[in-house]
């Protein structure tokens, strides 16, 4: 019987290894799997490469992971913002490596990994510093139909941590509004995908037309509680 429901966050993350490339879903603060990030901090894996659209906000979530000093490199499209002080301090002191990737290229490089595409040409970044490798050497370029393009390669993940809304024991997932951002494509590009859900549905209860991530791409799911508000209710965080 297929049952991908993990007993706890710790159980779901037990196999994350030192040196892993960890994809973390989310766009700004929408769809960030904070419980899984906290679990990764507790788990203790080191020398990580993190793939995310941003580089952390404030002192919680991804920023808290960076603060532990266990992230060697971050691959993202938007590292600096008003409250990215943790990343800023680490980067300026040379304690973390940054690979800056335009947002569309980031999404497509992840999608390419999941789709089995070996590489692709894109016009984005041509003629800029982003058309160079981290060692300063130029990336391959080509003119196609009179337009210049840069060759980009897929980004593969050892682990993907994503936030969903509902799931079943086979791992099928649905999302809530803006929380559906990088999670679905990251799930296809990683060898181990762990998702949090607020509700575990019975098999067959999820509308097949509403399933965004099929269970074939999901390794484990963990049910988490909704966040209580100061007013005593619950908020459905995006």
Foldseek 3Di string as FASTA:
>chain_A
DQFQADPALLRQCLPDAALFEEEFEDDQPAWGPQRNQVSVVVNDHAQYEYEYQEQDFACGRNLVSVQVLRYAEYEHAYHDDPGNVSVVVCVVVVSHYYLHDHPVRSLVLLLCLLVVNAKDWDLPPPPHQNQADPVGHGADWDADPNGITGIDGHDAGQEYETEFAEEERLQFTAHDPPSPDSRQSNLSRHPAYEYEYQYYDYPPPDDPVRGSHGSVSHNHYYHDHFDADPVGHGDDGD
